[in-house]
Protein backbone atom coordinates (compact mmCIF):
# COMPACT_ATOMS: atom_id res chain seq x y z
CA VAL A 1 125.41 90.41 88.56
CA GLN A 2 128.74 88.72 89.27
CA LEU A 3 131.23 90.07 91.80
CA THR A 4 134.51 88.57 93.02
CA ASN A 5 136.67 90.22 95.68
CA SER A 6 140.13 88.99 96.64
CA GLY A 7 141.41 92.15 98.34
CA ASP A 8 141.00 93.66 101.79
CA VAL A 9 138.12 96.12 102.27
CA TYR A 10 137.62 98.56 105.16
CA THR A 11 134.77 101.12 105.50
CA VAL A 12 133.86 103.68 108.19
CA GLY A 13 130.40 105.25 108.36
CA ASP A 14 126.71 104.31 108.35
CA ASN A 15 125.17 102.45 105.40
CA ALA A 16 128.63 101.70 104.03
CA ALA A 17 128.75 98.05 103.06
CA GLY A 18 132.13 96.46 102.46
CA VAL A 19 131.26 94.29 99.46
CA ILE A 20 127.82 94.46 97.84
CA GLY A 21 126.42 92.86 94.71
CA GLN A 22 122.78 93.60 93.98
CA SER A 23 120.11 93.66 91.29
CA ILE A 24 116.99 95.73 91.89
CA GLY A 25 114.04 95.78 89.51
CA GLY A 26 112.30 99.07 88.81
CA GLY A 27 108.87 99.76 90.23
CA GLY A 28 105.76 99.94 88.06
CA GLY A 29 104.05 103.27 87.54
CA ASN A 30 100.71 104.15 89.07
CA GLY A 31 97.58 104.16 86.93
CA GLY A 32 95.93 107.47 86.07
CA PHE A 33 92.74 108.61 87.72
CA SER A 34 89.39 108.96 85.98
CA ALA A 35 86.60 111.37 86.89
CA GLY A 36 83.25 112.28 85.37
CA PHE A 37 80.80 114.94 86.58
CA ASP A 38 77.52 115.50 84.72
CA VAL A 39 74.58 117.88 85.13
CA ALA A 40 71.39 117.44 83.08
CA LYS A 41 67.65 118.15 83.16
CA SER A 42 66.61 114.60 82.35
CA THR A 43 69.03 111.66 82.39
CA ASN A 44 72.74 111.11 82.99
CA LEU A 45 74.72 108.03 82.03
CA ALA A 46 78.36 107.90 83.14
CA VAL A 47 81.05 105.20 83.02
CA THR A 48 84.46 105.90 84.60
CA VAL A 49 87.36 103.48 84.92
CA GLY A 50 90.68 104.18 86.66
CA GLY A 51 93.89 103.24 84.90
CA SER A 52 95.80 100.08 85.79
CA GLY A 53 99.21 100.26 87.43
CA GLY A 54 102.32 98.98 85.69
CA ASP A 55 104.05 95.73 86.62
CA GLY A 56 107.21 95.80 88.69
CA ASN A 57 110.35 94.55 86.97
CA ASP A 58 112.31 91.51 88.11
CA GLY A 59 115.66 91.46 89.83
CA ALA A 60 118.36 89.41 88.05
CA SER A 61 120.46 86.61 89.53
CA VAL A 62 123.38 87.65 91.75
CA THR A 63 126.61 85.77 92.43
CA VAL A 64 129.17 87.09 94.93
CA ALA A 65 132.46 85.47 95.93
CA ASN A 66 134.52 87.07 98.70
CA ASN A 67 138.05 85.80 99.22
CA GLY A 68 139.41 88.85 101.07
CA ASP A 69 139.17 90.28 104.57
CA VAL A 70 136.35 92.79 105.11
CA GLN A 71 135.76 95.17 108.03
CA THR A 72 133.03 97.81 108.46
CA GLN A 73 132.35 100.35 111.23
CA GLY A 74 128.90 101.88 111.09
CA SER A 75 125.18 101.24 111.46
CA GLN A 76 123.60 99.17 108.66
CA SER A 77 127.05 98.65 107.17
CA TYR A 78 126.97 95.02 106.03
CA GLY A 79 130.22 93.20 105.54
CA VAL A 80 129.42 91.13 102.43
CA GLN A 81 125.96 91.51 100.87
CA ALA A 82 124.31 89.83 97.88
CA GLN A 83 120.71 90.60 97.02
CA SER A 84 118.15 90.50 94.25
CA VAL A 85 114.98 92.52 94.75
CA GLY A 86 112.00 92.87 92.44
CA GLY A 87 110.33 96.20 91.80
CA GLY A 88 107.01 97.07 93.42
CA GLY A 89 103.80 96.86 91.41
CA GLY A 90 102.07 100.12 90.51
CA ASN A 91 98.84 101.16 92.22
CA GLY A 92 95.58 101.37 90.30
CA GLY A 93 94.18 104.83 89.61
CA PHE A 94 91.12 106.06 91.46
CA SER A 95 87.81 106.64 89.72
CA LEU A 96 85.07 109.15 90.61
CA SER A 97 81.62 109.88 89.24
CA GLY A 98 79.13 112.59 90.19
CA ASP A 99 75.76 113.10 88.48
CA PHE A 100 73.03 115.69 89.11
CA SER A 101 69.70 115.78 87.28
CA LYS A 102 65.93 116.30 87.57
CA GLY A 103 65.40 112.85 86.15
CA SER A 104 67.41 109.67 86.43
CA ASN A 105 71.11 108.95 86.87
CA ILE A 106 73.02 105.80 85.97
CA ALA A 107 76.70 105.50 86.87
CA VAL A 108 79.22 102.69 86.61
CA THR A 109 82.48 103.44 88.41
CA ILE A 110 85.46 101.08 88.52
CA GLY A 111 88.79 101.63 90.27
CA GLY A 112 91.96 100.78 88.41
CA SER A 113 93.69 97.47 89.02
CA GLY A 114 96.95 97.26 90.90
CA SER A 115 99.73 95.39 89.13
CA GLY A 116 102.01 92.56 90.18
CA GLY A 117 105.27 93.02 92.01
CA GLY A 118 108.53 91.97 90.41
CA ASP A 119 110.37 88.75 91.25
CA GLY A 120 113.65 88.44 93.10
CA GLY A 121 116.34 86.41 91.30
CA ALA A 122 118.57 83.58 92.52
CA VAL A 123 121.37 84.58 94.91
CA ASP A 124 124.62 82.67 95.50
CA LEU A 125 127.25 83.87 97.97
CA THR A 126 130.60 82.21 98.63
CA GLN A 127 132.60 83.43 101.62
CA ILE A 128 136.23 82.53 102.35
CA GLY A 129 137.89 85.54 104.04
CA SER A 130 137.26 87.08 107.46
CA VAL A 131 134.37 89.53 107.94
CA VAL A 132 134.03 91.86 110.95
CA THR A 133 131.29 94.47 111.56
CA THR A 134 130.81 96.73 114.60
CA GLY A 135 127.59 98.67 113.94
CA ASP A 136 123.95 98.02 114.82
CA GLY A 137 122.00 96.22 112.10
CA ALA A 138 125.23 95.35 110.32
CA HIS A 139 125.04 91.69 109.34
CA ALA A 140 128.44 90.28 108.50
CA VAL A 141 127.36 88.03 105.61
CA MET A 142 123.92 88.63 104.09
CA ALA A 143 122.19 87.09 101.06
CA GLN A 144 118.57 87.63 100.12
CA SER A 145 116.07 87.28 97.31
CA VAL A 146 112.94 89.38 97.78
CA GLY A 147 109.81 89.53 95.68
CA LYS A 148 108.13 92.92 95.92
CA GLY A 149 104.57 93.68 96.89
CA GLY A 150 101.71 94.02 94.44
CA GLY A 151 100.11 97.40 93.83
CA ALA A 152 96.94 98.46 95.62
CA GLY A 153 93.62 98.58 93.79
CA GLY A 154 92.22 102.02 93.07
CA PHE A 155 89.44 103.68 95.03
CA ALA A 156 86.07 103.95 93.30
CA GLY A 157 83.33 106.34 94.36
CA SER A 158 80.08 107.64 92.89
CA VAL A 159 77.44 110.10 94.07
CA GLU A 160 74.12 110.37 92.21
CA VAL A 161 71.57 113.11 92.97
CA SER A 162 68.07 113.21 91.47
CA LEU A 163 66.14 116.41 92.22
CA ASP A 164 62.74 115.30 90.91
CA ASP A 165 60.83 112.11 90.24
CA GLY A 166 63.19 109.50 88.89
CA GLY A 167 65.78 107.02 89.92
CA ASN A 168 69.44 106.66 90.75
CA VAL A 169 71.44 103.56 89.87
CA GLY A 170 75.04 103.42 91.02
CA VAL A 171 77.35 100.45 90.47
CA THR A 172 80.78 100.90 92.02
CA VAL A 173 83.65 98.41 92.07
CA GLY A 174 86.96 98.96 93.83
CA GLY A 175 90.06 98.05 91.88
CA GLY A 176 91.54 94.60 92.31
CA ALA A 177 95.04 94.49 93.80
CA GLY A 178 98.17 93.07 92.22
CA ASP A 179 99.87 89.87 93.34
CA GLY A 180 103.20 89.85 95.13
CA GLY A 181 106.35 88.81 93.29
CA THR A 182 108.12 85.50 93.86
CA ALA A 183 111.52 85.09 95.50
CA ASP A 184 114.15 82.70 94.14
CA ALA A 185 116.58 80.36 95.90
CA VAL A 186 119.35 81.66 98.18
CA THR A 187 122.57 79.74 98.84
CA VAL A 188 125.46 80.68 101.15
CA VAL A 189 128.70 78.73 101.52
CA SER A 190 131.28 79.96 104.06
CA SER A 191 134.32 77.71 104.16
CA SER A 192 136.93 79.52 106.28
CA GLY A 193 137.85 82.71 108.11
CA LEU A 194 136.35 84.45 111.15
CA ILE A 195 132.90 86.07 111.02
CA SER A 196 132.18 88.53 113.83
CA THR A 197 129.59 91.21 114.72
CA THR A 198 129.33 93.39 117.83
CA GLY A 199 126.23 95.50 117.15
CA LYS A 200 122.57 94.95 118.00
CA SER A 201 120.46 93.06 115.43
CA ALA A 202 123.62 92.06 113.59
CA THR A 203 123.59 88.41 112.52
CA GLY A 204 126.74 86.59 111.53
CA ILE A 205 125.39 84.76 108.45
CA TYR A 206 121.91 85.72 107.28
CA ALA A 207 120.07 84.16 104.31
CA LEU A 208 116.50 85.02 103.31
CA SER A 209 114.03 84.22 100.54
CA GLN A 210 110.82 86.24 100.92
CA GLY A 211 107.82 86.43 98.61
CA GLY A 212 106.12 89.77 98.10
CA GLY A 213 102.84 90.56 99.78
CA GLY A 214 99.65 91.00 97.79
CA GLY A 215 98.33 94.53 97.40
CA GLU A 216 95.31 95.93 99.21
CA GLY A 217 91.98 95.84 97.40
CA GLY A 218 90.40 99.18 96.47
CA PHE A 219 87.76 100.81 98.66
CA ALA A 220 84.38 101.38 96.98
CA PHE A 221 81.58 103.82 97.86
CA THR A 222 78.15 104.45 96.34
CA GLY A 223 75.85 107.26 97.49
CA ASN A 224 72.39 107.98 96.00
CA LEU A 225 70.14 110.90 96.93
CA GLY A 226 66.59 111.40 95.69
CA THR A 227 64.36 114.36 96.55
CA GLY A 228 61.37 113.73 94.29
CA GLU A 229 57.91 112.53 95.30
CA LYS A 230 58.56 109.18 93.65
CA THR A 231 62.16 108.11 93.91
CA VAL A 232 63.98 104.82 93.44
CA ASN A 233 67.61 104.42 94.53
CA ILE A 234 69.70 101.37 93.71
CA GLY A 235 73.28 101.09 94.88
CA VAL A 236 75.56 98.11 94.26
CA THR A 237 79.05 98.35 95.74
CA VAL A 238 81.86 95.78 95.62
CA GLY A 239 85.24 96.21 97.30
CA GLY A 240 88.32 95.22 95.35
CA GLY A 241 89.89 91.85 96.01
CA GLY A 242 93.25 91.68 97.77
CA GLY A 243 96.21 90.36 95.80
CA ASP A 244 97.79 86.98 96.42
CA GLY A 245 101.21 86.73 98.03
CA GLY A 246 104.24 85.50 96.11
CA THR A 247 106.06 82.23 96.74
CA SER A 248 109.44 82.05 98.41
CA SER A 249 112.06 79.47 97.49
CA ASP A 250 114.65 77.27 99.15
CA VAL A 251 117.36 78.65 101.42
CA GLY A 252 120.56 76.76 102.08
CA ILE A 253 123.64 77.46 104.23
CA SER A 254 126.83 75.44 104.61
CA ASN A 255 129.34 76.83 107.11
CA ALA A 256 132.83 75.93 108.28
CA SER A 257 133.75 79.40 109.61
CA GLY A 258 133.90 80.46 113.23
CA VAL A 259 131.02 82.88 113.92
CA SER A 260 130.74 85.21 116.90
CA THR A 261 128.07 87.83 117.80
CA THR A 262 127.79 89.94 120.95
CA GLY A 263 124.72 92.15 120.46
CA ASP A 264 121.07 91.44 121.30
CA TYR A 265 118.90 89.85 118.58
CA SER A 266 122.03 88.70 116.78
CA HIS A 267 121.99 85.05 115.76
CA ALA A 268 125.18 83.39 114.63
CA ILE A 269 123.43 81.75 111.64
CA GLN A 270 119.93 82.69 110.48
CA ALA A 271 118.12 81.14 107.50
CA GLN A 272 114.50 81.89 106.60
CA SER A 273 112.05 81.30 103.79
CA ILE A 274 108.84 83.36 104.09
CA GLY A 275 105.90 83.08 101.73
CA GLY A 276 104.18 86.33 100.82
CA SER A 277 100.98 87.23 102.66
CA GLY A 278 97.72 87.99 100.89
CA GLY A 279 96.48 91.54 100.76
CA SER A 280 93.32 92.68 102.53
CA GLY A 281 90.10 93.06 100.59
CA GLY A 282 88.67 96.52 100.00
CA MET A 283 85.87 98.00 102.07
CA ALA A 284 82.45 98.50 100.42
CA ILE A 285 79.85 101.08 101.50
CA SER A 286 76.44 101.72 99.94
CA ALA A 287 74.15 104.55 101.14
CA ASN A 288 70.72 105.59 99.78
CA LEU A 289 68.71 108.61 100.90
CA SER A 290 65.14 109.63 99.98
CA LEU A 291 64.50 112.93 101.71
CA ASN A 292 61.16 114.30 100.47
CA THR A 293 58.81 114.06 103.46
CA SER A 294 55.74 114.66 101.26
CA ALA A 295 56.65 111.87 98.88
CA THR A 296 54.04 109.20 98.31
CA GLY A 297 56.53 106.42 97.84
CA SER A 298 60.19 105.56 97.60
CA GLY A 299 62.21 102.44 97.07
CA ASN A 300 65.80 101.88 98.14
CA LEU A 301 67.92 98.84 97.31
CA GLY A 302 71.46 98.67 98.64
CA VAL A 303 73.83 95.78 98.07
CA SER A 304 77.41 95.89 99.31
CA VAL A 305 80.04 93.16 99.20
CA GLY A 306 83.45 93.53 100.83
CA GLY A 307 86.45 92.47 98.80
CA GLY A 308 87.91 89.05 99.46
CA GLY A 309 91.32 88.80 101.07
CA GLY A 310 94.15 87.46 98.93
CA SER A 311 95.69 84.06 99.56
CA GLY A 312 99.08 83.66 101.15
CA ASN A 313 101.66 81.61 99.28
CA THR A 314 104.03 78.77 100.04
CA SER A 315 107.49 79.05 101.53
CA GLY A 316 110.48 76.99 100.49
CA ALA A 317 112.67 74.51 102.32
CA VAL A 318 115.31 75.78 104.75
CA THR A 319 118.46 73.69 105.02
CA ILE A 320 121.57 74.10 107.15
CA ALA A 321 123.30 71.27 105.31
CA ALA A 322 126.32 71.25 107.62
CA ASN A 323 127.64 73.57 110.27
CA ASP A 324 131.21 72.60 111.05
CA GLY A 325 132.21 75.95 112.56
CA ASP A 326 132.15 77.07 116.18
CA LEU A 327 129.28 79.46 116.95
CA THR A 328 129.20 81.90 119.88
CA THR A 329 126.52 84.46 120.81
CA SER A 330 126.32 86.71 123.89
CA GLY A 331 123.15 88.78 123.44
CA TYR A 332 119.47 88.46 124.33
CA LYS A 333 117.43 86.34 121.89
CA SER A 334 120.54 85.38 119.95
CA ALA A 335 120.44 81.72 118.90
CA GLY A 336 123.37 79.77 117.59
CA ILE A 337 121.38 78.45 114.60
CA TYR A 338 117.98 79.91 113.74
CA ALA A 339 116.15 78.19 110.86
CA LYS A 340 112.53 78.87 109.95
CA SER A 341 110.10 78.36 107.08
CA ILE A 342 106.82 80.32 107.29
CA GLY A 343 103.89 79.98 104.92
CA GLY A 344 102.19 83.21 103.89
CA GLY A 345 99.10 84.27 105.80
CA GLY A 346 95.79 85.03 104.14
CA GLY A 347 94.57 88.62 103.84
CA ASP A 348 91.58 89.86 105.80
CA GLY A 349 88.22 90.26 104.07
CA GLY A 350 86.89 93.76 103.52
CA LEU A 351 84.22 95.37 105.68
CA SER A 352 80.79 95.84 104.12
CA PHE A 353 78.02 98.31 105.01
CA SER A 354 74.67 99.07 103.43
CA GLY A 355 72.28 101.67 104.81
CA ASP A 356 69.46 103.99 103.84
CA ILE A 357 67.19 106.70 105.16
CA SER A 358 63.73 107.47 103.79
CA GLY A 359 61.35 110.29 104.63
CA SER A 360 58.52 109.26 102.31
CA ASN A 361 55.02 108.21 103.34
CA SER A 362 55.43 104.75 101.88
CA ALA A 363 58.99 103.50 101.90
CA GLN A 364 60.38 100.15 100.83
CA HIS A 365 63.95 99.39 101.91
CA ILE A 366 66.05 96.36 101.10
CA ASN A 367 69.66 96.25 102.28
CA VAL A 368 72.01 93.36 101.79
CA SER A 369 75.57 93.39 103.11
CA VAL A 370 78.16 90.62 102.79
CA GLY A 371 81.58 90.86 104.39
CA GLY A 372 84.56 89.81 102.31
CA ALA A 373 85.95 86.33 102.81
CA GLY A 374 89.34 85.99 104.47
CA GLY A 375 92.11 84.64 102.26
CA SER A 376 93.65 81.23 102.77
CA GLY A 377 97.01 80.77 104.44
CA ASN A 378 99.52 78.49 102.75
CA ASP A 379 102.00 75.76 103.58
CA ALA A 380 105.50 76.07 104.98
CA GLY A 381 108.53 74.13 103.74
CA LEU A 382 110.80 71.48 105.19
CA VAL A 383 113.41 72.56 107.74
CA THR A 384 116.60 70.52 108.07
CA VAL A 385 119.61 71.30 110.28
CA THR A 386 122.87 69.38 110.75
CA ASN A 387 125.38 70.61 113.33
CA ASN A 388 128.86 69.21 113.82
CA GLY A 389 130.42 72.22 115.57
CA ILE A 390 130.50 73.77 119.03
CA ILE A 391 127.60 76.13 119.85
CA GLU A 392 127.62 78.39 122.93
CA THR A 393 125.04 81.07 123.83
CA SER A 394 125.12 83.33 126.91
CA GLY A 395 121.97 85.50 126.64
CA HIS A 396 118.44 84.78 127.82
CA TYR A 397 116.02 83.18 125.31
CA SER A 398 118.99 82.17 123.16
CA GLU A 399 118.62 78.61 121.96
CA GLY A 400 121.51 76.57 120.68
CA ILE A 401 119.47 75.37 117.68
CA PHE A 402 116.01 76.76 116.89
CA ALA A 403 114.14 75.19 113.94
CA HIS A 404 110.48 75.82 113.07
CA SER A 405 108.12 75.16 110.16
CA VAL A 406 104.92 77.20 110.52
CA GLY A 407 101.88 77.19 108.23
CA GLY A 408 100.32 80.52 107.36
CA GLY A 409 97.21 81.60 109.22
CA GLY A 410 93.89 82.20 107.47
CA GLY A 411 92.62 85.75 107.07
CA THR A 412 89.76 87.12 109.15
CA GLY A 413 86.37 87.47 107.47
CA GLY A 414 85.08 90.98 106.95
CA LEU A 415 82.51 92.57 109.24
CA SER A 416 79.06 93.14 107.75
CA ALA A 417 76.44 95.68 108.81
CA VAL A 418 73.11 97.06 107.58
CA ALA A 419 71.07 99.99 108.88
CA ALA A 420 67.81 101.61 107.80
CA LEU A 421 65.62 104.41 109.11
CA SER A 422 62.12 105.39 107.93
CA ARG A 423 59.35 107.61 109.32
CA GLU A 424 55.73 106.73 109.83
CA GLY A 425 53.91 106.32 106.53
CA GLU A 426 50.37 106.44 105.20
CA GLY A 427 50.37 102.68 104.87
CA THR A 428 53.05 100.15 105.63
CA ASN A 429 56.71 100.99 105.51
CA LEU A 430 58.76 97.86 104.80
CA SER A 431 62.41 97.48 105.72
CA VAL A 432 64.44 94.33 105.07
CA GLY A 433 68.03 93.98 106.24
CA VAL A 434 70.31 91.01 105.60
CA ALA A 435 73.87 91.04 106.96
CA ILE A 436 76.28 88.14 106.45
CA GLY A 437 79.78 88.20 107.92
CA GLY A 438 82.64 87.05 105.75
CA SER A 439 84.01 83.57 106.27
CA GLY A 440 87.47 83.10 107.76
CA GLY A 441 90.22 81.70 105.56
CA ALA A 442 91.66 78.21 105.86
CA ALA A 443 95.17 77.87 107.29
CA GLY A 444 98.27 76.28 105.80
CA ASP A 445 100.21 73.27 107.09
CA GLY A 446 103.55 73.14 108.85
CA GLU A 447 106.07 70.80 107.24
CA ALA A 448 108.51 68.30 108.75
CA VAL A 449 111.43 69.53 110.87
CA ASP A 450 114.57 67.39 111.16
CA VAL A 451 117.61 68.28 113.30
CA THR A 452 120.81 66.24 113.65
CA ASN A 453 123.36 67.29 116.25
CA ASN A 454 126.79 65.69 116.42
CA GLY A 455 128.48 68.63 118.16
CA SER A 456 128.51 70.30 121.55
CA ILE A 457 125.82 72.78 122.66
CA ASN A 458 126.12 74.98 125.78
CA THR A 459 123.58 77.63 126.82
CA HIS A 460 123.77 79.92 129.89
CA GLY A 461 120.58 82.02 129.82
CA VAL A 462 116.99 81.70 131.03
CA ALA A 463 114.74 79.80 128.60
CA SER A 464 117.72 79.02 126.39
CA THR A 465 116.90 75.49 125.28
CA GLY A 466 119.67 73.44 123.73
CA ILE A 467 117.63 72.23 120.73
CA GLU A 468 114.09 73.48 120.12
CA ILE A 469 112.14 72.31 117.09
CA GLN A 470 108.48 72.65 116.15
CA SER A 471 106.18 71.89 113.28
CA ILE A 472 103.10 74.11 113.65
CA GLY A 473 99.91 74.20 111.62
CA GLY A 474 98.47 77.64 110.97
CA GLY A 475 95.36 78.88 112.73
CA GLY A 476 92.13 79.28 110.79
CA GLY A 477 90.82 82.80 110.29
CA LYS A 478 87.98 84.16 112.40
CA GLY A 479 84.59 84.59 110.80
CA GLY A 480 83.38 88.16 110.38
CA SER A 481 80.78 89.65 112.72
CA SER A 482 77.42 90.82 111.43
CA PHE A 483 75.08 93.59 112.63
CA SER A 484 71.62 94.71 111.57
CA GLY A 485 69.76 97.75 112.81
CA ILE A 486 66.42 98.97 111.45
CA ALA A 487 64.21 101.67 112.93
CA GLY A 488 60.69 102.65 111.80
CA LEU A 489 59.41 105.80 113.50
CA SER A 490 55.75 105.82 114.51
CA GLN A 491 53.96 108.46 116.58
CA SER A 492 50.21 108.27 115.84
CA GLY A 493 49.64 104.63 116.71
CA GLU A 494 46.99 104.36 113.96
CA ALA A 495 46.46 100.84 112.65
CA ASP A 496 46.89 101.83 109.00
CA LYS A 497 50.16 103.61 109.72
CA ARG A 498 52.71 101.00 110.61
CA THR A 499 56.18 99.73 109.93
CA LEU A 500 57.31 96.21 109.17
CA ASN A 501 60.95 95.35 109.82
CA ILE A 502 62.63 92.11 108.81
CA GLU A 503 66.21 91.53 109.92
CA VAL A 504 68.60 88.65 109.30
CA ALA A 505 72.18 88.66 110.64
CA VAL A 506 74.52 85.72 110.15
CA GLY A 507 78.11 85.64 111.42
CA GLY A 508 80.81 84.29 109.15
CA ALA A 509 82.12 80.76 109.52
CA GLY A 510 85.58 80.26 110.97
CA GLY A 511 88.33 78.90 108.76
CA SER A 512 89.77 75.41 109.06
CA ALA A 513 93.08 74.84 110.86
CA GLY A 514 96.33 73.68 109.31
CA ASP A 515 98.03 70.39 110.13
CA ALA A 516 101.43 69.95 111.74
CA ASN A 517 104.01 67.43 110.55
CA SER A 518 106.80 65.38 112.09
CA ALA A 519 109.44 66.87 114.40
CA THR A 520 112.58 64.71 114.62
CA VAL A 521 115.81 65.15 116.59
CA SER A 522 118.86 62.86 116.31
CA ASN A 523 121.48 63.78 118.92
CA SER A 524 124.85 62.17 119.48
CA GLY A 525 126.58 65.24 120.93
CA SER A 526 126.65 66.82 124.38
CA ILE A 527 124.04 69.40 125.47
CA HIS A 528 124.36 71.52 128.65
CA THR A 529 121.88 74.22 129.78
CA ARG A 530 122.56 76.27 132.90
CA ASP A 531 119.49 78.36 133.83
CA GLY A 532 115.75 78.13 134.46
CA ASN A 533 113.25 77.00 131.80
CA ALA A 534 116.10 75.89 129.57
CA LYS A 535 115.35 72.39 128.34
CA GLY A 536 117.99 70.18 126.83
CA ILE A 537 115.93 69.03 123.82
CA SER A 538 112.35 70.03 122.98
CA ALA A 539 110.51 68.63 119.94
CA GLN A 540 106.87 69.43 119.27
CA SER A 541 104.26 68.91 116.57
CA ILE A 542 101.30 71.29 117.09
CA GLY A 543 98.22 71.45 114.91
CA GLY A 544 96.61 74.83 114.40
CA GLY A 545 93.34 75.90 115.94
CA GLY A 546 90.23 76.47 113.87
CA GLY A 547 88.95 80.01 113.52
CA ALA A 548 86.08 81.22 115.68
CA GLY A 549 82.74 81.64 113.94
């Protein structure tokens, strides 16, 4: 897409941009569902698989050059906008299985896979004329490349019922999620003219590269019911894995225009690169029931594993190569220059539960549950700012220059739980429960932050520091909790009628923290702050904390 405007443009009304060039990829279709239901006297064998979603299409590159004067009046009515957005990935189809027999049932059920989100293309915007907006959410100059999110994995569920002696075997796997799309580089050059906004959340110059988030893993459920005198139930359930986030790319702004904003949350210049976050893993539940109270024996084995969280992805460098224009903001939390690179956070691990109930005279239970591991966070990019102009902010919490590089946090490990209940038997009823919480994900690192100020900075509000920079390592994900509960009912107190319970519960390990990097300020200009908690220059390098086990 290429767009050049040399005329004057004026719009009135909401969602009425003055000049807009965009490329938007189409979304992928959802996968079809699959279902199988069988009834037989002896044995059933069923395999069902949900359909996979379609991939999202990519957005193309976009180039916009505005040489004219643009004015808009209305909410969400951008002055000059250039964007490339990928299409969302399709969701996986769900899968169901239900079997009923007097013998044995075997079922394998798999949810469909989600597909990847489309990529955002490169975006270049050149601004020469004046741009004025008056509505809320109406950025004057906006350029963005956005990768779309991956599709969710499909649900998978099976229920097996055996009405006589026999066994049930159910294997159920939730669909894996699709990965988020990547975002390309974004460049804005504004060389002259006045840029002004008066609405709330209306930035003067806004540039963004944002990777798509990974999809959510599919939920999985297995349920087995046996009513015969001799019944064996085996259930294996695995939640779908979360998709990985997409990378974001470099963002650069060069400005020589005067920029003024008056609304709250309205920075004069805002540049961000944000890596896509990982999707959460799917939950897994396995349940076995043996309900014949006159049965001479039953065996239940339940294994459930929560889906692992997807990994976050890296963010690109953010560069304000040179600001030579005068910047003025009046609102709350409205910085003169706001520059940030944020690594994608890891997705949380899926919850896992395994439980059974037996009414037989001699029951053997084994339940194993493992929470899904949290996904890893990823690294942020370099942040570099050079200011040669005059910056003045009047609102509270409105820094002159705010520059951060922040590593993505690790995902939390999934909770794990097991439970079993059996009645008093003729001999020994054995119940074994093992629950292991998912481990927390490792965090990403913050990169170096470098700010050079040769201009004048004046702030008037509370906590409105002149220059604030930080490099921050991400925090490690918390380990998942674990619980085990087993009950064996006994009323007679006879020595040959007893229950034996063995329980093991282990919490998940916390994830490792991310490192911080250098934070450097070179100032040759004048800095004046005029209210409480407003430092002149603050530079910090802060390592992340490790996740709790």
